[in-house]
Amino acid sequence: MSGNARVWLVTGASSGFGRAVAEAAVAAGDTVIGTARRTGGLDDLVAAHPDRVEAIALDVTDGERIDAVAADVLARYGRVDVLVNNAGRTQVGAFEETTDRELRDLFELHVFGPARLTRALLPQMRERGSGSVVNISSFGGQLSFAGFSAYSATKAALEQLSEGLADEVAPFGIKVLIVEPGAFRTGLFGKGAAYFSAENPAYAEKVGATRRLVQGGDGSQPGDPAKAAAAILLALDADDTPLRLALGGDAVDFLTAHLDSVRAELAAWEKVSRGTDFDAGE
């Protein structure tokens, strides 16, 4: 590694955003430890850059394996400059259709796994006084709609953990970046990649539209993962790194409409909301 090269640890690095970020980091001259449940998707990148890319098998729902991988990486590399919590999957189902097991499994993948890995690497970032944590969320981390209640719930939890974390670690020179993509051609909607809860006929019309969108949407999404990766690196290198980075015109449109709706509702009910305080002097 050169003196200015960073060490990245990217989960879910064999495809999608993880793979795109890994490629962008390598192109920038950095070193990448890419993790995935099945590392075969990284073989070509490792072969092309054997001195700067390593693939490690990791299921982020396995807490003991997370601890072991983090300890091993720190022992051999000495540090992780950028952690990218990217591993994840799509889940579609009405709230009533989603089982406890499905919901818990999704939280393990999108919340508890990233939290454990982040905690394992934070001490060395604090001691060095630098580092970045990138959590891949979704525009669904700030809003939701029929069929995505469970998915959005996990992303919202990840975002609030990230926002609190950002405030806590800023004095130590650590950046936290929440990435909120729209629809990108990452394979997330691909055959076998998206998970669907068992259907309840009562929601066939409302949630059915979301199911069809996901089932038929792979390969036609407007977002380019390579451009998304470039935007993430740009944000991390900025003097004023944003807390949230929306990616894709659709994400910007959805988030803008949602924020407008929240503000309008808050204003419409402001008198009632403020009226719940004690009267002056009480």
C-alpha atoms as a PDB file:
ATOM      1  CA  MET A   1       0.000   0.000   0.000  1.00  0.00           C
ATOM      2  CA  SER A   2       1.208   3.493  -0.808  1.00  0.00           C
ATOM      3  CA  GLY A   3       1.349   6.086   1.925  1.00  0.00           C
ATOM      4  CA  ASN A   4      -1.935   7.707   0.894  1.00  0.00           C
ATOM      5  CA  ALA A   5      -3.822   4.539  -0.001  1.00  0.00           C
ATOM      6  CA  ARG A   6      -6.887   3.737   2.039  1.00  0.00           C
ATOM      7  CA  VAL A   7      -8.032   0.339   3.231  1.00  0.00           C
ATOM      8  CA  TRP A   8     -11.668  -0.411   2.471  1.00  0.00           C
ATOM      9  CA  LEU A   9     -13.824  -3.191   3.890  1.00  0.00           C
ATOM     10  CA  VAL A  10     -16.907  -3.664   1.727  1.00  0.00           C
ATOM     11  CA  THR A  11     -19.653  -6.160   2.566  1.00  0.00           C
ATOM     12  CA  GLY A  12     -21.726  -7.697  -0.203  1.00  0.00           C
ATOM     13  CA  ALA A  13     -18.850  -6.875  -2.542  1.00  0.00           C
ATOM     14  CA  SER A  14     -19.428  -9.601  -5.113  1.00  0.00           C
ATOM     15  CA  SER A  15     -22.182  -7.727  -6.963  1.00  0.00           C
ATOM     16  CA  GLY A  16     -24.225  -4.552  -7.202  1.00  0.00           C
ATOM     17  CA  PHE A  17     -23.193  -1.478  -5.263  1.00  0.00           C
ATOM     18  CA  GLY A  18     -20.587  -3.427  -3.310  1.00  0.00           C
ATOM     19  CA  ARG A  19     -18.810  -4.536  -6.445  1.00  0.00           C
ATOM     20  CA  ALA A  20     -19.042  -1.063  -8.004  1.00  0.00           C
ATOM     21  CA  VAL A  21     -17.605   0.594  -4.882  1.00  0.00           C
ATOM     22  CA  ALA A  22     -14.815  -1.984  -4.719  1.00  0.00           C
ATOM     23  CA  GLU A  23     -13.881  -1.324  -8.340  1.00  0.00           C
ATOM     24  CA  ALA A  24     -13.939   2.442  -7.816  1.00  0.00           C
ATOM     25  CA  ALA A  25     -11.740   2.192  -4.715  1.00  0.00           C
ATOM     26  CA  VAL A  26      -9.216   0.017  -6.542  1.00  0.00           C
ATOM     27  CA  ALA A  27      -9.188   2.445  -9.476  1.00  0.00           C
ATOM     28  CA  ALA A  28      -8.389   5.207  -6.979  1.00  0.00           C
ATOM     29  CA  GLY A  29      -5.300   3.275  -5.876  1.00  0.00           C
ATOM     30  CA  ASP A  30      -6.745   1.933  -2.623  1.00  0.00           C
ATOM     31  CA  THR A  31      -6.822  -1.528  -1.088  1.00  0.00           C
ATOM     32  CA  VAL A  32     -10.111  -3.418  -0.813  1.00  0.00           C
ATOM     33  CA  ILE A  33     -11.154  -6.288   1.394  1.00  0.00           C
ATOM     34  CA  GLY A  34     -14.361  -7.489  -0.196  1.00  0.00           C
ATOM     35  CA  THR A  35     -16.655  -9.778   1.737  1.00  0.00           C
ATOM     36  CA  ALA A  36     -19.529 -11.891   0.505  1.00  0.00           C
ATOM     37  CA  ARG A  37     -21.314 -15.071   1.415  1.00  0.00           C
ATOM     38  CA  ARG A  38     -19.942 -16.544  -1.821  1.00  0.00           C
ATOM     39  CA  THR A  39     -16.682 -14.935  -2.896  1.00  0.00           C
ATOM     40  CA  GLY A  40     -16.544 -16.389  -6.407  1.00  0.00           C
ATOM     41  CA  GLY A  41     -17.978 -13.177  -7.808  1.00  0.00           C
ATOM     42  CA  LEU A  42     -14.770 -11.420  -6.749  1.00  0.00           C
ATOM     43  CA  ASP A  43     -12.331 -13.877  -8.342  1.00  0.00           C
ATOM     44  CA  ASP A  44     -11.722 -11.704 -11.417  1.00  0.00           C
ATOM     45  CA  LEU A  45     -11.093  -8.571  -9.367  1.00  0.00           C
ATOM     46  CA  VAL A  46      -8.681 -10.418  -7.085  1.00  0.00           C
ATOM     47  CA  ALA A  47      -6.881 -11.905 -10.105  1.00  0.00           C
ATOM     48  CA  ALA A  48      -6.545  -8.472 -11.729  1.00  0.00           C
ATOM     49  CA  HIS A  49      -5.262  -6.825  -8.520  1.00  0.00           C
ATOM     50  CA  PRO A  50      -3.823  -9.575  -6.306  1.00  0.00           C
ATOM     51  CA  ASP A  51      -1.775  -7.079  -4.302  1.00  0.00           C
ATOM     52  CA  ARG A  52      -4.714  -4.767  -3.532  1.00  0.00           C
ATOM     53  CA  VAL A  53      -7.879  -6.893  -3.446  1.00  0.00           C
ATOM     54  CA  GLU A  54      -8.723  -9.679  -1.027  1.00  0.00           C
ATOM     55  CA  ALA A  55     -11.954 -11.664  -0.870  1.00  0.00           C
ATOM     56  CA  ILE A  56     -13.195 -13.019   2.466  1.00  0.00           C
ATOM     57  CA  ALA A  57     -16.265 -15.179   3.049  1.00  0.00           C
ATOM     58  CA  LEU A  58     -18.675 -13.463   5.428  1.00  0.00           C
ATOM     59  CA  ASP A  59     -22.360 -13.781   6.205  1.00  0.00           C
ATOM     60  CA  VAL A  60     -23.174 -10.575   8.082  1.00  0.00           C
ATOM     61  CA  THR A  61     -25.919 -12.326  10.044  1.00  0.00           C
ATOM     62  CA  ASP A  62     -23.208 -14.443  11.722  1.00  0.00           C
ATOM     63  CA  GLY A  63     -22.040 -12.315  14.641  1.00  0.00           C
ATOM     64  CA  GLU A  64     -19.117 -14.521  15.678  1.00  0.00           C
ATOM     65  CA  ARG A  65     -17.837 -14.589  12.106  1.00  0.00           C
ATOM     66  CA  ILE A  66     -18.073 -10.789  11.969  1.00  0.00           C
ATOM     67  CA  ASP A  67     -15.882 -10.505  15.064  1.00  0.00           C
ATOM     68  CA  ALA A  68     -13.364 -12.990  13.673  1.00  0.00           C
ATOM     69  CA  VAL A  69     -13.106 -11.257  10.292  1.00  0.00           C
ATOM     70  CA  ALA A  70     -12.740  -7.813  11.866  1.00  0.00           C
ATOM     71  CA  ALA A  71      -9.991  -9.032  14.205  1.00  0.00           C
ATOM     72  CA  ASP A  72      -8.169 -10.775  11.359  1.00  0.00           C
ATOM     73  CA  VAL A  73      -8.325  -7.760   9.043  1.00  0.00           C
ATOM     74  CA  LEU A  74      -7.076  -5.396  11.753  1.00  0.00           C
ATOM     75  CA  ALA A  75      -4.268  -7.774  12.692  1.00  0.00           C
ATOM     76  CA  ARG A  76      -3.027  -8.046   9.103  1.00  0.00           C
ATOM     77  CA  TYR A  77      -3.763  -4.574   7.708  1.00  0.00           C
ATOM     78  CA  GLY A  78      -3.553  -2.520  10.883  1.00  0.00           C
ATOM     79  CA  ARG A  79      -6.610  -0.459  10.085  1.00  0.00           C
ATOM     80  CA  VAL A  80      -9.781  -0.032   8.057  1.00  0.00           C
ATOM     81  CA  ASP A  81     -10.152   3.484   6.702  1.00  0.00           C
ATOM     82  CA  VAL A  82     -13.550   3.022   5.064  1.00  0.00           C
ATOM     83  CA  LEU A  83     -16.214   0.532   6.087  1.00  0.00           C
ATOM     84  CA  VAL A  84     -19.052   0.070   3.605  1.00  0.00           C
ATOM     85  CA  ASN A  85     -22.045  -1.798   5.020  1.00  0.00           C
ATOM     86  CA  ASN A  86     -23.677  -2.830   1.777  1.00  0.00           C
ATOM     87  CA  ALA A  87     -24.832  -6.446   2.102  1.00  0.00           C
ATOM     88  CA  GLY A  88     -28.591  -6.735   1.815  1.00  0.00           C
ATOM     89  CA  ARG A  89     -31.580  -7.911  -0.162  1.00  0.00           C
ATOM     90  CA  THR A  90     -35.023  -6.819  -1.284  1.00  0.00           C
ATOM     91  CA  GLN A  91     -38.108  -8.066   0.530  1.00  0.00           C
ATOM     92  CA  VAL A  92     -41.631  -7.528  -0.745  1.00  0.00           C
ATOM     93  CA  GLY A  93     -44.795  -8.234   1.208  1.00  0.00           C
ATOM     94  CA  ALA A  94     -47.687  -6.516   2.900  1.00  0.00           C
ATOM     95  CA  PHE A  95     -47.216  -5.842   6.591  1.00  0.00           C
ATOM     96  CA  GLU A  96     -49.783  -8.531   7.419  1.00  0.00           C
ATOM     97  CA  GLU A  97     -48.103 -10.989   5.054  1.00  0.00           C
ATOM     98  CA  THR A  98     -44.673 -10.566   6.657  1.00  0.00           C
ATOM     99  CA  THR A  99     -43.939 -13.166   9.323  1.00  0.00           C
ATOM    100  CA  ASP A 100     -41.967 -12.599  12.523  1.00  0.00           C
ATOM    101  CA  ARG A 101     -39.181 -14.780  11.141  1.00  0.00           C
ATOM    102  CA  GLU A 102     -38.985 -12.808   7.911  1.00  0.00           C
ATOM    103  CA  LEU A 103     -38.909  -9.508   9.774  1.00  0.00           C
ATOM    104  CA  ARG A 104     -36.262 -10.669  12.259  1.00  0.00           C
ATOM    105  CA  ASP A 105     -34.083 -12.102   9.495  1.00  0.00           C
ATOM    106  CA  LEU A 106     -34.237  -8.829   7.590  1.00  0.00           C
ATOM    107  CA  PHE A 107     -33.278  -6.827  10.681  1.00  0.00           C
ATOM    108  CA  GLU A 108     -30.353  -9.203  11.280  1.00  0.00           C
ATOM    109  CA  LEU A 109     -29.121  -8.527   7.751  1.00  0.00           C
ATOM    110  CA  HIS A 110     -29.751  -4.787   7.469  1.00  0.00           C
ATOM    111  CA  VAL A 111     -29.341  -3.595  11.066  1.00  0.00           C
ATOM    112  CA  PHE A 112     -27.732  -5.954  13.570  1.00  0.00           C
ATOM    113  CA  GLY A 113     -25.015  -7.197  11.218  1.00  0.00           C
ATOM    114  CA  PRO A 114     -23.854  -3.725  10.147  1.00  0.00           C
ATOM    115  CA  ALA A 115     -24.077  -2.519  13.759  1.00  0.00           C
ATOM    116  CA  ARG A 116     -21.847  -5.327  15.008  1.00  0.00           C
ATOM    117  CA  LEU A 117     -19.273  -4.885  12.263  1.00  0.00           C
ATOM    118  CA  THR A 118     -19.202  -1.126  12.812  1.00  0.00           C
ATOM    119  CA  ARG A 119     -18.691  -1.560  16.563  1.00  0.00           C
ATOM    120  CA  ALA A 120     -15.836  -3.974  15.874  1.00  0.00           C
ATOM    121  CA  LEU A 121     -13.981  -1.402  13.763  1.00  0.00           C
ATOM    122  CA  LEU A 122     -14.818   1.857  15.547  1.00  0.00           C
ATOM    123  CA  PRO A 123     -12.157   1.612  18.300  1.00  0.00           C
ATOM    124  CA  GLN A 124      -9.254   1.655  15.835  1.00  0.00           C
ATOM    125  CA  MET A 125     -10.858   4.551  13.926  1.00  0.00           C
ATOM    126  CA  ARG A 126     -11.251   6.522  17.174  1.00  0.00           C
ATOM    127  CA  GLU A 127      -7.669   5.832  18.218  1.00  0.00           C
ATOM    128  CA  ARG A 128      -6.354   7.002  14.835  1.00  0.00           C
ATOM    129  CA  GLY A 129      -8.681   9.992  14.716  1.00  0.00           C
ATOM    130  CA  SER A 130      -9.970   9.215  11.236  1.00  0.00           C
ATOM    131  CA  GLY A 131     -12.178   6.857   9.285  1.00  0.00           C
ATOM    132  CA  SER A 132     -15.453   6.635   7.407  1.00  0.00           C
ATOM    133  CA  VAL A 133     -18.539   4.479   7.827  1.00  0.00           C
ATOM    134  CA  VAL A 134     -20.758   4.209   4.769  1.00  0.00           C
ATOM    135  CA  ASN A 135     -24.170   2.629   5.319  1.00  0.00           C
ATOM    136  CA  ILE A 136     -26.097   1.729   2.192  1.00  0.00           C
ATOM    137  CA  SER A 137     -29.731   2.513   2.874  1.00  0.00           C
ATOM    138  CA  SER A 138     -32.407   3.440   0.329  1.00  0.00           C
ATOM    139  CA  PHE A 139     -34.759   6.325  -0.291  1.00  0.00           C
ATOM    140  CA  GLY A 140     -37.061   3.870   1.504  1.00  0.00           C
ATOM    141  CA  GLY A 141     -35.169   4.677   4.666  1.00  0.00           C
ATOM    142  CA  GLN A 142     -37.177   7.891   4.867  1.00  0.00           C
ATOM    143  CA  LEU A 143     -40.493   6.770   3.404  1.00  0.00           C
ATOM    144  CA  SER A 144     -42.440   3.642   2.546  1.00  0.00           C
ATOM    145  CA  PHE A 145     -45.379   2.341   0.554  1.00  0.00           C
ATOM    146  CA  ALA A 146     -47.389  -0.839   0.045  1.00  0.00           C
ATOM    147  CA  GLY A 147     -45.237  -3.942  -0.069  1.00  0.00           C
ATOM    148  CA  PHE A 148     -42.101  -2.383   1.370  1.00  0.00           C
ATOM    149  CA  SER A 149     -43.029  -1.895   5.036  1.00  0.00           C
ATOM    150  CA  ALA A 150     -40.521  -4.452   6.337  1.00  0.00           C
ATOM    151  CA  TYR A 151     -37.708  -3.406   4.011  1.00  0.00           C
ATOM    152  CA  SER A 152     -38.194   0.286   4.777  1.00  0.00           C
ATOM    153  CA  ALA A 153     -38.390  -0.422   8.511  1.00  0.00           C
ATOM    154  CA  THR A 154     -34.907  -1.933   8.487  1.00  0.00           C
ATOM    155  CA  LYS A 155     -33.472   0.901   6.425  1.00  0.00           C
ATOM    156  CA  ALA A 156     -35.095   3.514   8.676  1.00  0.00           C
ATOM    157  CA  ALA A 157     -33.543   1.807  11.708  1.00  0.00           C
ATOM    158  CA  LEU A 158     -30.140   1.782  10.008  1.00  0.00           C
ATOM    159  CA  GLU A 159     -30.485   5.484   9.180  1.00  0.00           C
ATOM    160  CA  GLN A 160     -31.326   6.522  12.739  1.00  0.00           C
ATOM    161  CA  LEU A 161     -28.460   4.462  14.133  1.00  0.00           C
ATOM    162  CA  SER A 162     -26.233   6.195  11.587  1.00  0.00           C
ATOM    163  CA  GLU A 163     -27.455   9.703  12.408  1.00  0.00           C
ATOM    164  CA  GLY A 164     -26.837   9.222  16.123  1.00  0.00           C
ATOM    165  CA  LEU A 165     -23.478   7.605  15.401  1.00  0.00           C
ATOM    166  CA  ALA A 166     -22.444  10.520  13.191  1.00  0.00           C
ATOM    167  CA  ASP A 167     -23.012  12.968  16.045  1.00  0.00           C
ATOM    168  CA  GLU A 168     -21.100  10.756  18.493  1.00  0.00           C
ATOM    169  CA  VAL A 169     -17.992  10.149  16.388  1.00  0.00           C
ATOM    170  CA  ALA A 170     -17.577  13.522  14.658  1.00  0.00           C
ATOM    171  CA  PRO A 171     -15.242  14.747  17.461  1.00  0.00           C
ATOM    172  CA  PHE A 172     -12.941  11.816  16.626  1.00  0.00           C
ATOM    173  CA  GLY A 173     -12.629  12.766  12.962  1.00  0.00           C
ATOM    174  CA  ILE A 174     -14.875   9.928  11.766  1.00  0.00           C
ATOM    175  CA  LYS A 175     -17.354  10.495   8.952  1.00  0.00           C
ATOM    176  CA  VAL A 176     -20.689   8.704   8.593  1.00  0.00           C
ATOM    177  CA  LEU A 177     -22.401   8.656   5.207  1.00  0.00           C
ATOM    178  CA  ILE A 178     -25.924   7.318   4.650  1.00  0.00           C
ATOM    179  CA  VAL A 179     -26.474   6.427   0.996  1.00  0.00           C
ATOM    180  CA  GLU A 180     -30.081   6.508  -0.248  1.00  0.00           C
ATOM    181  CA  PRO A 181     -30.290   5.010  -3.744  1.00  0.00           C
ATOM    182  CA  GLY A 182     -33.314   4.791  -5.950  1.00  0.00           C
ATOM    183  CA  ALA A 183     -33.647   2.003  -8.531  1.00  0.00           C
ATOM    184  CA  PHE A 184     -30.253   0.894  -9.843  1.00  0.00           C
ATOM    185  CA  ARG A 185     -29.228  -2.031 -12.019  1.00  0.00           C
ATOM    186  CA  THR A 186     -27.594  -3.919  -9.183  1.00  0.00           C
ATOM    187  CA  GLY A 187     -29.264  -7.303  -9.536  1.00  0.00           C
ATOM    188  CA  LEU A 188     -31.285  -6.655  -6.378  1.00  0.00           C
ATOM    189  CA  PHE A 189     -34.473  -7.347  -8.337  1.00  0.00           C
ATOM    190  CA  GLY A 190     -32.929 -10.270 -10.184  1.00  0.00           C
ATOM    191  CA  LYS A 191     -34.291 -13.805 -10.222  1.00  0.00           C
ATOM    192  CA  GLY A 192     -33.603 -15.427  -6.874  1.00  0.00           C
ATOM    193  CA  ALA A 193     -32.312 -12.158  -5.357  1.00  0.00           C
ATOM    194  CA  ALA A 194     -35.600 -10.618  -4.235  1.00  0.00           C
ATOM    195  CA  TYR A 195     -37.592 -12.274  -1.460  1.00  0.00           C
ATOM    196  CA  PHE A 196     -41.389 -12.345  -1.483  1.00  0.00           C
ATOM    197  CA  SER A 197     -43.634 -13.085   1.471  1.00  0.00           C
ATOM    198  CA  ALA A 198     -46.526 -15.514   0.933  1.00  0.00           C
ATOM    199  CA  GLU A 199     -49.427 -13.674  -0.686  1.00  0.00           C
ATOM    200  CA  ASN A 200     -52.669 -12.795   1.051  1.00  0.00           C
ATOM    201  CA  PRO A 201     -55.440 -12.316  -1.554  1.00  0.00           C
ATOM    202  CA  ALA A 202     -56.761  -9.321   0.396  1.00  0.00           C
ATOM    203  CA  TYR A 203     -53.713  -7.342  -0.717  1.00  0.00           C
ATOM    204  CA  ALA A 204     -53.567  -8.628  -4.281  1.00  0.00           C
ATOM    205  CA  GLU A 205     -54.422  -5.272  -5.817  1.00  0.00           C
ATOM    206  CA  LYS A 206     -52.459  -2.936  -3.555  1.00  0.00           C
ATOM    207  CA  VAL A 207     -49.285  -4.984  -2.991  1.00  0.00           C
ATOM    208  CA  GLY A 208     -49.589  -6.850  -6.273  1.00  0.00           C
ATOM    209  CA  ALA A 209     -48.457  -3.744  -8.124  1.00  0.00           C
ATOM    210  CA  THR A 210     -45.269  -3.660  -6.052  1.00  0.00           C
ATOM    211  CA  ARG A 211     -44.657  -7.369  -6.619  1.00  0.00           C
ATOM    212  CA  ARG A 212     -44.984  -6.931 -10.363  1.00  0.00           C
ATOM    213  CA  LEU A 213     -42.702  -3.907 -10.295  1.00  0.00           C
ATOM    214  CA  VAL A 214     -39.945  -5.896  -8.599  1.00  0.00           C
ATOM    215  CA  GLN A 215     -40.500  -9.107 -10.566  1.00  0.00           C
ATOM    216  CA  GLY A 216     -40.344  -7.341 -13.900  1.00  0.00           C
ATOM    217  CA  GLY A 217     -37.994  -4.493 -13.123  1.00  0.00           C
ATOM    218  CA  ASP A 218     -34.566  -6.108 -13.265  1.00  0.00           C
ATOM    219  CA  GLY A 219     -32.381  -4.647 -15.996  1.00  0.00           C
ATOM    220  CA  SER A 220     -34.570  -1.634 -16.674  1.00  0.00           C
ATOM    221  CA  GLN A 221     -33.710   0.475 -13.625  1.00  0.00           C
ATOM    222  CA  PRO A 222     -32.406   3.949 -14.509  1.00  0.00           C
ATOM    223  CA  GLY A 223     -29.492   4.017 -12.069  1.00  0.00           C
ATOM    224  CA  ASP A 224     -25.881   3.217 -13.064  1.00  0.00           C
ATOM    225  CA  PRO A 225     -23.971   1.543 -10.177  1.00  0.00           C
ATOM    226  CA  ALA A 226     -20.599   2.788 -11.470  1.00  0.00           C
ATOM    227  CA  LYS A 227     -21.813   6.390 -11.337  1.00  0.00           C
ATOM    228  CA  ALA A 228     -23.234   5.765  -7.872  1.00  0.00           C
ATOM    229  CA  ALA A 229     -19.863   4.477  -6.684  1.00  0.00           C
ATOM    230  CA  ALA A 230     -18.138   7.557  -8.097  1.00  0.00           C
ATOM    231  CA  ALA A 231     -20.615   9.784  -6.251  1.00  0.00           C
ATOM    232  CA  ILE A 232     -19.910   7.952  -2.973  1.00  0.00           C
ATOM    233  CA  LEU A 233     -16.159   8.464  -3.345  1.00  0.00           C
ATOM    234  CA  LEU A 234     -16.750  12.118  -4.238  1.00  0.00           C
ATOM    235  CA  ALA A 235     -18.858  12.618  -1.103  1.00  0.00           C
ATOM    236  CA  LEU A 236     -16.302  10.920   1.148  1.00  0.00           C
ATOM    237  CA  ASP A 237     -13.475  13.044  -0.242  1.00  0.00           C
ATOM    238  CA  ALA A 238     -15.422  16.289   0.185  1.00  0.00           C
ATOM    239  CA  ASP A 239     -14.469  18.641   3.008  1.00  0.00           C
ATOM    240  CA  ASP A 240     -18.128  18.767   3.994  1.00  0.00           C
ATOM    241  CA  THR A 241     -19.316  15.189   3.553  1.00  0.00           C
ATOM    242  CA  PRO A 242     -23.127  15.045   3.694  1.00  0.00           C
ATOM    243  CA  LEU A 243     -24.878  12.886   6.247  1.00  0.00           C
ATOM    244  CA  ARG A 244     -27.286  11.644   3.562  1.00  0.00           C
ATOM    245  CA  LEU A 245     -26.568  11.189  -0.132  1.00  0.00           C
ATOM    246  CA  ALA A 246     -29.545  10.478  -2.387  1.00  0.00           C
ATOM    247  CA  LEU A 247     -28.597   8.678  -5.596  1.00  0.00           C
ATOM    248  CA  GLY A 248     -30.710   8.745  -8.724  1.00  0.00           C
ATOM    249  CA  GLY A 249     -33.287  11.180 -10.014  1.00  0.00           C
ATOM    250  CA  ASP A 250     -36.086   8.946  -8.753  1.00  0.00           C
ATOM    251  CA  ALA A 251     -34.661   9.034  -5.214  1.00  0.00           C
ATOM    252  CA  VAL A 252     -34.470  12.834  -5.309  1.00  0.00           C
ATOM    253  CA  ASP A 253     -38.048  13.079  -6.586  1.00  0.00           C
ATOM    254  CA  PHE A 254     -39.461  10.646  -4.015  1.00  0.00           C
ATOM    255  CA  LEU A 255     -37.597  12.256  -1.124  1.00  0.00           C
ATOM    256  CA  THR A 256     -38.538  15.794  -2.154  1.00  0.00           C
ATOM    257  CA  ALA A 257     -42.221  14.860  -2.408  1.00  0.00           C
ATOM    258  CA  HIS A 258     -42.061  13.081   0.932  1.00  0.00           C
ATOM    259  CA  LEU A 259     -40.428  16.019   2.702  1.00  0.00           C
ATOM    260  CA  ASP A 260     -43.008  18.383   1.204  1.00  0.00           C
ATOM    261  CA  SER A 261     -45.789  16.099   2.458  1.00  0.00           C
ATOM    262  CA  VAL A 262     -44.322  15.897   5.959  1.00  0.00           C
ATOM    263  CA  ARG A 263     -43.924  19.670   6.147  1.00  0.00           C
ATOM    264  CA  ALA A 264     -47.478  20.272   4.898  1.00  0.00           C
ATOM    265  CA  GLU A 265     -48.960  17.839   7.408  1.00  0.00           C
ATOM    266  CA  LEU A 266     -46.914  19.337  10.225  1.00  0.00           C
ATOM    267  CA  ALA A 267     -48.126  22.814   9.329  1.00  0.00           C
ATOM    268  CA  ALA A 268     -51.765  21.691   9.036  1.00  0.00           C
ATOM    269  CA  TRP A 269     -51.701  20.204  12.532  1.00  0.00           C
ATOM    270  CA  GLU A 270     -49.257  22.620  14.146  1.00  0.00           C
ATOM    271  CA  LYS A 271     -51.896  24.323  16.308  1.00  0.00           C
ATOM    272  CA  VAL A 272     -53.076  20.993  17.694  1.00  0.00           C
ATOM    273  CA  SER A 273     -49.508  19.805  18.228  1.00  0.00           C
ATOM    274  CA  ARG A 274     -48.446  22.940  20.086  1.00  0.00           C
ATOM    275  CA  GLY A 275     -51.690  22.902  22.078  1.00  0.00           C
ATOM    276  CA  THR A 276     -50.605  19.829  24.005  1.00  0.00           C
ATOM    277  CA  ASP A 277     -48.016  21.775  26.055  1.00  0.00           C
ATOM    278  CA  PHE A 278     -48.887  22.979  29.574  1.00  0.00           C
ATOM    279  CA  ASP A 279     -50.388  26.463  29.616  1.00  0.00           C
ATOM    280  CA  ALA A 280     -48.043  29.268  30.642  1.00  0.00           C
ATOM    281  CA  GLY A 281     -47.507  29.335  34.386  1.00  0.00           C
ATOM    282  CA  GLU A 282     -48.701  25.781  34.985  1.00  0.00           C
END
